[in-house]
Amino acid sequence: MFHESVDPPAPAEDAWGAHDLIGALHARDRIQRAIRAAGANSEAVATVAVADELFRMFTVVDEDGLLSEAGMPTPSEPWYWRRIPRNGPVPRELNEWKMARLTGDGPT
């Protein structure tokens, strides 16, 4: 597992947007289903654990519920659906979507 004591660098402005995050979370769901179907192979579980730890390093708990408040259907489980990048384009874009919904300027 990774145990960094420094904050990871901020993503570049041309980094993934909110739709990309949502797609990646759906892909993570598929990985979880595949691991369950394969009988939780320890090598696969270990590999996913490393990726999960990296994801935790670059994200924070979505305390404001930006994913769900922005109108994205998010499952209540698993844990990774309740995390967003700590900075960069994704949280800004999610906040813009949320504000657009609240003001009636966005999809409902």
N, C-alpha and C. Protein backbone atom coordinates (compact mmCIF):
# COMPACT_ATOMS: atom_id res chain seq x y z
N MET A 1 0.83 -1.17 0.00
CA MET A 1 0.00 0.00 0.00
C MET A 1 0.88 1.25 0.00
N PHE A 2 0.33 2.33 -0.53
CA PHE A 2 1.05 3.59 -0.58
C PHE A 2 0.74 4.39 0.68
N HIS A 3 1.75 5.02 1.20
CA HIS A 3 1.57 5.87 2.37
C HIS A 3 2.38 7.14 2.15
N GLU A 4 1.82 8.04 1.39
CA GLU A 4 2.47 9.31 1.10
C GLU A 4 2.10 10.32 2.17
N SER A 5 3.05 11.11 2.60
CA SER A 5 2.77 12.14 3.58
C SER A 5 2.58 13.51 2.93
N VAL A 6 2.80 13.59 1.64
CA VAL A 6 2.62 14.86 0.93
C VAL A 6 1.40 14.76 0.05
N ASP A 7 0.77 15.92 -0.17
CA ASP A 7 -0.38 15.94 -1.06
C ASP A 7 0.06 15.68 -2.48
N PRO A 8 -0.73 14.91 -3.24
CA PRO A 8 -0.39 14.69 -4.64
C PRO A 8 -0.54 15.99 -5.42
N PRO A 9 0.13 16.11 -6.54
CA PRO A 9 0.03 17.36 -7.32
C PRO A 9 -1.38 17.53 -7.87
N ALA A 10 -1.73 18.78 -8.09
CA ALA A 10 -3.03 19.08 -8.69
C ALA A 10 -3.05 18.58 -10.13
N PRO A 11 -4.20 18.10 -10.60
CA PRO A 11 -4.26 17.64 -11.98
C PRO A 11 -4.15 18.81 -12.96
N ALA A 12 -3.68 18.51 -14.13
CA ALA A 12 -3.60 19.53 -15.18
C ALA A 12 -5.00 19.96 -15.57
N GLU A 13 -5.13 21.17 -16.07
CA GLU A 13 -6.45 21.68 -16.43
C GLU A 13 -7.10 20.89 -17.56
N ASP A 14 -6.32 20.16 -18.33
CA ASP A 14 -6.90 19.35 -19.40
C ASP A 14 -7.18 17.92 -18.91
N ALA A 15 -7.17 17.74 -17.59
CA ALA A 15 -7.44 16.43 -17.01
C ALA A 15 -8.90 16.06 -17.23
N TRP A 16 -9.23 14.87 -16.82
CA TRP A 16 -10.59 14.36 -16.98
C TRP A 16 -11.61 15.26 -16.33
N GLY A 17 -12.81 15.23 -16.89
CA GLY A 17 -13.93 15.98 -16.33
C GLY A 17 -14.84 15.06 -15.54
N ALA A 18 -15.95 15.61 -15.12
CA ALA A 18 -16.90 14.88 -14.27
C ALA A 18 -17.47 13.64 -14.97
N HIS A 19 -17.78 13.75 -16.25
CA HIS A 19 -18.30 12.58 -16.97
C HIS A 19 -17.27 11.45 -16.98
N ASP A 20 -16.00 11.81 -17.12
CA ASP A 20 -14.94 10.80 -17.11
C ASP A 20 -14.86 10.10 -15.76
N LEU A 21 -15.00 10.88 -14.67
CA LEU A 21 -14.99 10.28 -13.34
C LEU A 21 -16.13 9.28 -13.21
N ILE A 22 -17.30 9.66 -13.64
CA ILE A 22 -18.47 8.78 -13.54
C ILE A 22 -18.25 7.51 -14.35
N GLY A 23 -17.68 7.64 -15.54
CA GLY A 23 -17.36 6.47 -16.34
C GLY A 23 -16.36 5.57 -15.65
N ALA A 24 -15.35 6.16 -15.02
CA ALA A 24 -14.35 5.38 -14.30
C ALA A 24 -14.97 4.66 -13.10
N LEU A 25 -15.91 5.30 -12.43
CA LEU A 25 -16.57 4.65 -11.29
C LEU A 25 -17.43 3.47 -11.75
N HIS A 26 -18.06 3.62 -12.90
CA HIS A 26 -18.81 2.48 -13.46
C HIS A 26 -17.85 1.35 -13.83
N ALA A 27 -16.69 1.69 -14.37
CA ALA A 27 -15.69 0.67 -14.69
C ALA A 27 -15.22 -0.03 -13.42
N ARG A 28 -15.05 0.72 -12.34
CA ARG A 28 -14.65 0.12 -11.06
C ARG A 28 -15.71 -0.85 -10.57
N ASP A 29 -16.99 -0.52 -10.78
CA ASP A 29 -18.07 -1.45 -10.44
C ASP A 29 -17.91 -2.76 -11.20
N ARG A 30 -17.59 -2.67 -12.49
CA ARG A 30 -17.40 -3.88 -13.30
C ARG A 30 -16.25 -4.72 -12.79
N ILE A 31 -15.18 -4.05 -12.40
CA ILE A 31 -14.02 -4.78 -11.85
C ILE A 31 -14.44 -5.53 -10.59
N GLN A 32 -15.20 -4.87 -9.73
CA GLN A 32 -15.65 -5.51 -8.49
C GLN A 32 -16.51 -6.75 -8.80
N ARG A 33 -17.40 -6.62 -9.77
CA ARG A 33 -18.24 -7.77 -10.15
C ARG A 33 -17.38 -8.91 -10.70
N ALA A 34 -16.38 -8.58 -11.49
CA ALA A 34 -15.50 -9.60 -12.06
C ALA A 34 -14.71 -10.32 -10.97
N ILE A 35 -14.24 -9.57 -9.99
CA ILE A 35 -13.50 -10.20 -8.88
C ILE A 35 -14.41 -11.15 -8.12
N ARG A 36 -15.64 -10.71 -7.86
CA ARG A 36 -16.58 -11.60 -7.15
C ARG A 36 -16.85 -12.86 -7.95
N ALA A 37 -17.04 -12.70 -9.26
CA ALA A 37 -17.34 -13.84 -10.12
C ALA A 37 -16.16 -14.81 -10.21
N ALA A 38 -14.95 -14.27 -10.12
CA ALA A 38 -13.75 -15.10 -10.23
C ALA A 38 -13.37 -15.75 -8.91
N GLY A 39 -14.08 -15.47 -7.87
CA GLY A 39 -13.77 -16.08 -6.58
C GLY A 39 -12.72 -15.35 -5.78
N ALA A 40 -12.59 -14.06 -5.97
CA ALA A 40 -11.69 -13.22 -5.18
C ALA A 40 -10.25 -13.71 -5.20
N ASN A 41 -9.71 -13.94 -6.38
CA ASN A 41 -8.30 -14.29 -6.56
C ASN A 41 -7.44 -13.29 -5.80
N SER A 42 -6.54 -13.78 -4.97
CA SER A 42 -5.76 -12.88 -4.12
C SER A 42 -4.89 -11.91 -4.92
N GLU A 43 -4.39 -12.34 -6.08
CA GLU A 43 -3.58 -11.45 -6.91
C GLU A 43 -4.44 -10.32 -7.46
N ALA A 44 -5.62 -10.63 -7.93
CA ALA A 44 -6.53 -9.61 -8.45
C ALA A 44 -6.94 -8.64 -7.34
N VAL A 45 -7.25 -9.19 -6.19
CA VAL A 45 -7.65 -8.35 -5.05
C VAL A 45 -6.51 -7.42 -4.65
N ALA A 46 -5.30 -7.92 -4.63
CA ALA A 46 -4.14 -7.10 -4.27
C ALA A 46 -3.91 -5.99 -5.29
N THR A 47 -4.07 -6.30 -6.57
CA THR A 47 -3.90 -5.29 -7.61
C THR A 47 -4.94 -4.19 -7.48
N VAL A 48 -6.17 -4.57 -7.25
CA VAL A 48 -7.24 -3.58 -7.09
C VAL A 48 -7.01 -2.77 -5.82
N ALA A 49 -6.49 -3.39 -4.78
CA ALA A 49 -6.22 -2.66 -3.53
C ALA A 49 -5.20 -1.55 -3.75
N VAL A 50 -4.19 -1.81 -4.58
CA VAL A 50 -3.20 -0.78 -4.89
C VAL A 50 -3.86 0.37 -5.65
N ALA A 51 -4.67 0.04 -6.64
CA ALA A 51 -5.38 1.08 -7.40
C ALA A 51 -6.32 1.87 -6.50
N ASP A 52 -7.01 1.18 -5.60
CA ASP A 52 -7.92 1.85 -4.67
C ASP A 52 -7.16 2.82 -3.77
N GLU A 53 -5.98 2.42 -3.33
CA GLU A 53 -5.19 3.30 -2.47
C GLU A 53 -4.75 4.55 -3.23
N LEU A 54 -4.37 4.39 -4.48
CA LEU A 54 -4.02 5.55 -5.31
C LEU A 54 -5.23 6.47 -5.47
N PHE A 55 -6.41 5.88 -5.70
CA PHE A 55 -7.63 6.66 -5.84
C PHE A 55 -7.90 7.46 -4.56
N ARG A 56 -7.72 6.83 -3.42
CA ARG A 56 -7.92 7.53 -2.14
C ARG A 56 -6.95 8.70 -1.98
N MET A 57 -5.72 8.53 -2.48
CA MET A 57 -4.72 9.61 -2.36
C MET A 57 -5.13 10.85 -3.13
N PHE A 58 -5.80 10.69 -4.25
CA PHE A 58 -6.15 11.82 -5.10
C PHE A 58 -7.57 12.32 -4.89
N THR A 59 -8.28 11.72 -3.96
CA THR A 59 -9.68 12.09 -3.76
C THR A 59 -9.96 12.41 -2.30
N VAL A 60 -11.13 12.98 -2.08
CA VAL A 60 -11.63 13.26 -0.74
C VAL A 60 -13.08 12.78 -0.70
N VAL A 61 -13.58 12.62 0.52
CA VAL A 61 -14.99 12.25 0.67
C VAL A 61 -15.84 13.39 0.12
N ASP A 62 -16.82 13.05 -0.67
CA ASP A 62 -17.73 14.02 -1.29
C ASP A 62 -18.75 14.48 -0.24
N GLU A 63 -18.27 15.25 0.75
CA GLU A 63 -19.11 15.66 1.87
C GLU A 63 -20.30 16.51 1.44
N ASP A 64 -20.15 17.26 0.36
CA ASP A 64 -21.24 18.10 -0.13
C ASP A 64 -22.19 17.35 -1.05
N GLY A 65 -21.90 16.07 -1.30
CA GLY A 65 -22.76 15.28 -2.17
C GLY A 65 -22.84 15.83 -3.59
N LEU A 66 -21.70 16.34 -4.09
CA LEU A 66 -21.71 16.96 -5.41
C LEU A 66 -22.14 16.00 -6.51
N LEU A 67 -21.71 14.74 -6.43
CA LEU A 67 -22.13 13.79 -7.47
C LEU A 67 -23.65 13.65 -7.52
N SER A 68 -24.25 13.44 -6.37
CA SER A 68 -25.71 13.25 -6.36
C SER A 68 -26.43 14.58 -6.54
N GLU A 69 -25.92 15.66 -5.95
CA GLU A 69 -26.58 16.97 -6.08
C GLU A 69 -26.50 17.51 -7.50
N ALA A 70 -25.50 17.08 -8.25
CA ALA A 70 -25.36 17.52 -9.63
C ALA A 70 -26.30 16.76 -10.55
N GLY A 71 -27.06 15.83 -10.00
CA GLY A 71 -28.03 15.10 -10.80
C GLY A 71 -27.54 13.76 -11.29
N MET A 72 -26.36 13.34 -10.85
CA MET A 72 -25.85 12.05 -11.26
C MET A 72 -26.43 10.96 -10.37
N PRO A 73 -27.02 9.95 -10.99
CA PRO A 73 -27.51 8.84 -10.17
C PRO A 73 -26.32 8.07 -9.61
N THR A 74 -26.18 8.07 -8.31
CA THR A 74 -25.05 7.39 -7.69
C THR A 74 -25.56 6.34 -6.72
N PRO A 75 -25.03 5.15 -6.80
CA PRO A 75 -25.44 4.13 -5.85
C PRO A 75 -24.99 4.48 -4.44
N SER A 76 -25.70 3.99 -3.46
CA SER A 76 -25.32 4.28 -2.08
C SER A 76 -24.05 3.53 -1.69
N GLU A 77 -23.77 2.48 -2.37
CA GLU A 77 -22.56 1.72 -2.15
C GLU A 77 -21.92 1.51 -3.50
N PRO A 78 -20.74 1.24 -3.60
CA PRO A 78 -19.66 1.13 -2.64
C PRO A 78 -18.99 2.47 -2.35
N TRP A 79 -17.98 2.42 -1.54
CA TRP A 79 -17.31 3.59 -0.99
C TRP A 79 -16.79 4.55 -2.06
N TYR A 80 -16.30 4.04 -3.18
CA TYR A 80 -15.65 4.91 -4.16
C TYR A 80 -16.62 5.84 -4.86
N TRP A 81 -17.93 5.55 -4.79
CA TRP A 81 -18.93 6.45 -5.35
C TRP A 81 -19.14 7.68 -4.46
N ARG A 82 -18.53 7.70 -3.31
CA ARG A 82 -18.67 8.84 -2.40
C ARG A 82 -17.37 9.62 -2.27
N ARG A 83 -16.53 9.55 -3.30
CA ARG A 83 -15.27 10.29 -3.30
C ARG A 83 -15.13 11.05 -4.62
N ILE A 84 -14.52 12.23 -4.54
CA ILE A 84 -14.25 13.03 -5.73
C ILE A 84 -12.81 13.55 -5.63
N PRO A 85 -12.22 13.91 -6.77
CA PRO A 85 -10.87 14.47 -6.71
C PRO A 85 -10.84 15.70 -5.80
N ARG A 86 -9.73 15.86 -5.11
CA ARG A 86 -9.62 16.96 -4.14
C ARG A 86 -9.55 18.32 -4.81
N ASN A 87 -9.13 18.39 -6.06
CA ASN A 87 -9.07 19.66 -6.77
C ASN A 87 -9.10 19.38 -8.27
N GLY A 88 -9.06 20.44 -9.04
CA GLY A 88 -9.04 20.28 -10.48
C GLY A 88 -10.41 20.43 -11.12
N PRO A 89 -10.53 20.03 -12.36
CA PRO A 89 -11.76 20.28 -13.12
C PRO A 89 -12.98 19.51 -12.63
N VAL A 90 -12.82 18.32 -12.08
CA VAL A 90 -13.99 17.51 -11.71
C VAL A 90 -14.81 18.17 -10.61
N PRO A 91 -14.25 18.54 -9.47
CA PRO A 91 -15.10 19.16 -8.45
C PRO A 91 -15.69 20.49 -8.92
N ARG A 92 -14.93 21.25 -9.70
CA ARG A 92 -15.48 22.51 -10.22
C ARG A 92 -16.67 22.24 -11.14
N GLU A 93 -16.52 21.27 -12.02
CA GLU A 93 -17.60 20.95 -12.95
C GLU A 93 -18.83 20.42 -12.21
N LEU A 94 -18.62 19.55 -11.23
CA LEU A 94 -19.74 19.04 -10.45
C LEU A 94 -20.46 20.17 -9.71
N ASN A 95 -19.70 21.10 -9.17
CA ASN A 95 -20.31 22.24 -8.49
C ASN A 95 -21.11 23.10 -9.46
N GLU A 96 -20.59 23.29 -10.67
CA GLU A 96 -21.33 24.04 -11.69
C GLU A 96 -22.64 23.34 -12.03
N TRP A 97 -22.61 22.01 -12.17
CA TRP A 97 -23.83 21.26 -12.46
C TRP A 97 -24.84 21.42 -11.33
N LYS A 98 -24.33 21.34 -10.10
CA LYS A 98 -25.21 21.48 -8.93
C LYS A 98 -25.86 22.85 -8.93
N MET A 99 -25.07 23.90 -9.15
CA MET A 99 -25.61 25.25 -9.14
C MET A 99 -26.61 25.45 -10.28
N ALA A 100 -26.34 24.87 -11.42
CA ALA A 100 -27.27 24.99 -12.54
C ALA A 100 -28.60 24.31 -12.21
N ARG A 101 -28.55 23.19 -11.55
CA ARG A 101 -29.81 22.51 -11.14
C ARG A 101 -30.56 23.35 -10.12
N LEU A 102 -29.84 23.93 -9.16
CA LEU A 102 -30.49 24.71 -8.11
C LEU A 102 -31.12 26.00 -8.65
N THR A 103 -30.52 26.56 -9.68
CA THR A 103 -31.06 27.79 -10.26
C THR A 103 -32.03 27.53 -11.40
N GLY A 104 -32.21 26.27 -11.73
CA GLY A 104 -33.13 25.91 -12.82
C GLY A 104 -32.52 26.06 -14.20
N ASP A 105 -31.22 26.25 -14.27
CA ASP A 105 -30.54 26.40 -15.57
C ASP A 105 -29.99 25.09 -16.12
N GLY A 106 -30.15 24.01 -15.36
CA GLY A 106 -29.58 22.74 -15.78
C GLY A 106 -30.61 21.65 -15.84
N PRO A 107 -30.18 20.45 -16.19
CA PRO A 107 -31.12 19.32 -16.25
C PRO A 107 -31.65 18.99 -14.86
N THR A 108 -32.85 18.49 -14.82
CA THR A 108 -33.46 18.12 -13.53
C THR A 108 -33.68 16.64 -13.45
